[in-house]
């Protein structure tokens, strides 16, 4: 597999569009095939990325209303 840093420089012109909706889930990727299909945290991520889950309201909202984001980073945050 290619290295994520190498692939970042190969990305060409991309058309940016508005994402309509309120409270919807969206996904974006800067490299084609970087996001796993059908799963959130695979054992091996594409491009050697690290999967991390970020929650902005773990202690301020009921469990069912918590919003989460899955991030795929070049280096882990810890």
Foldseek 3Di string as FASTA:
>chain_A
DAAPVVQLVVQDDDDDDDDDDDPDDDDDDSGPQQQDPPDQADPATPNRWHKDKDWDPPPPDPPVPTDIDIDTHSDDPD
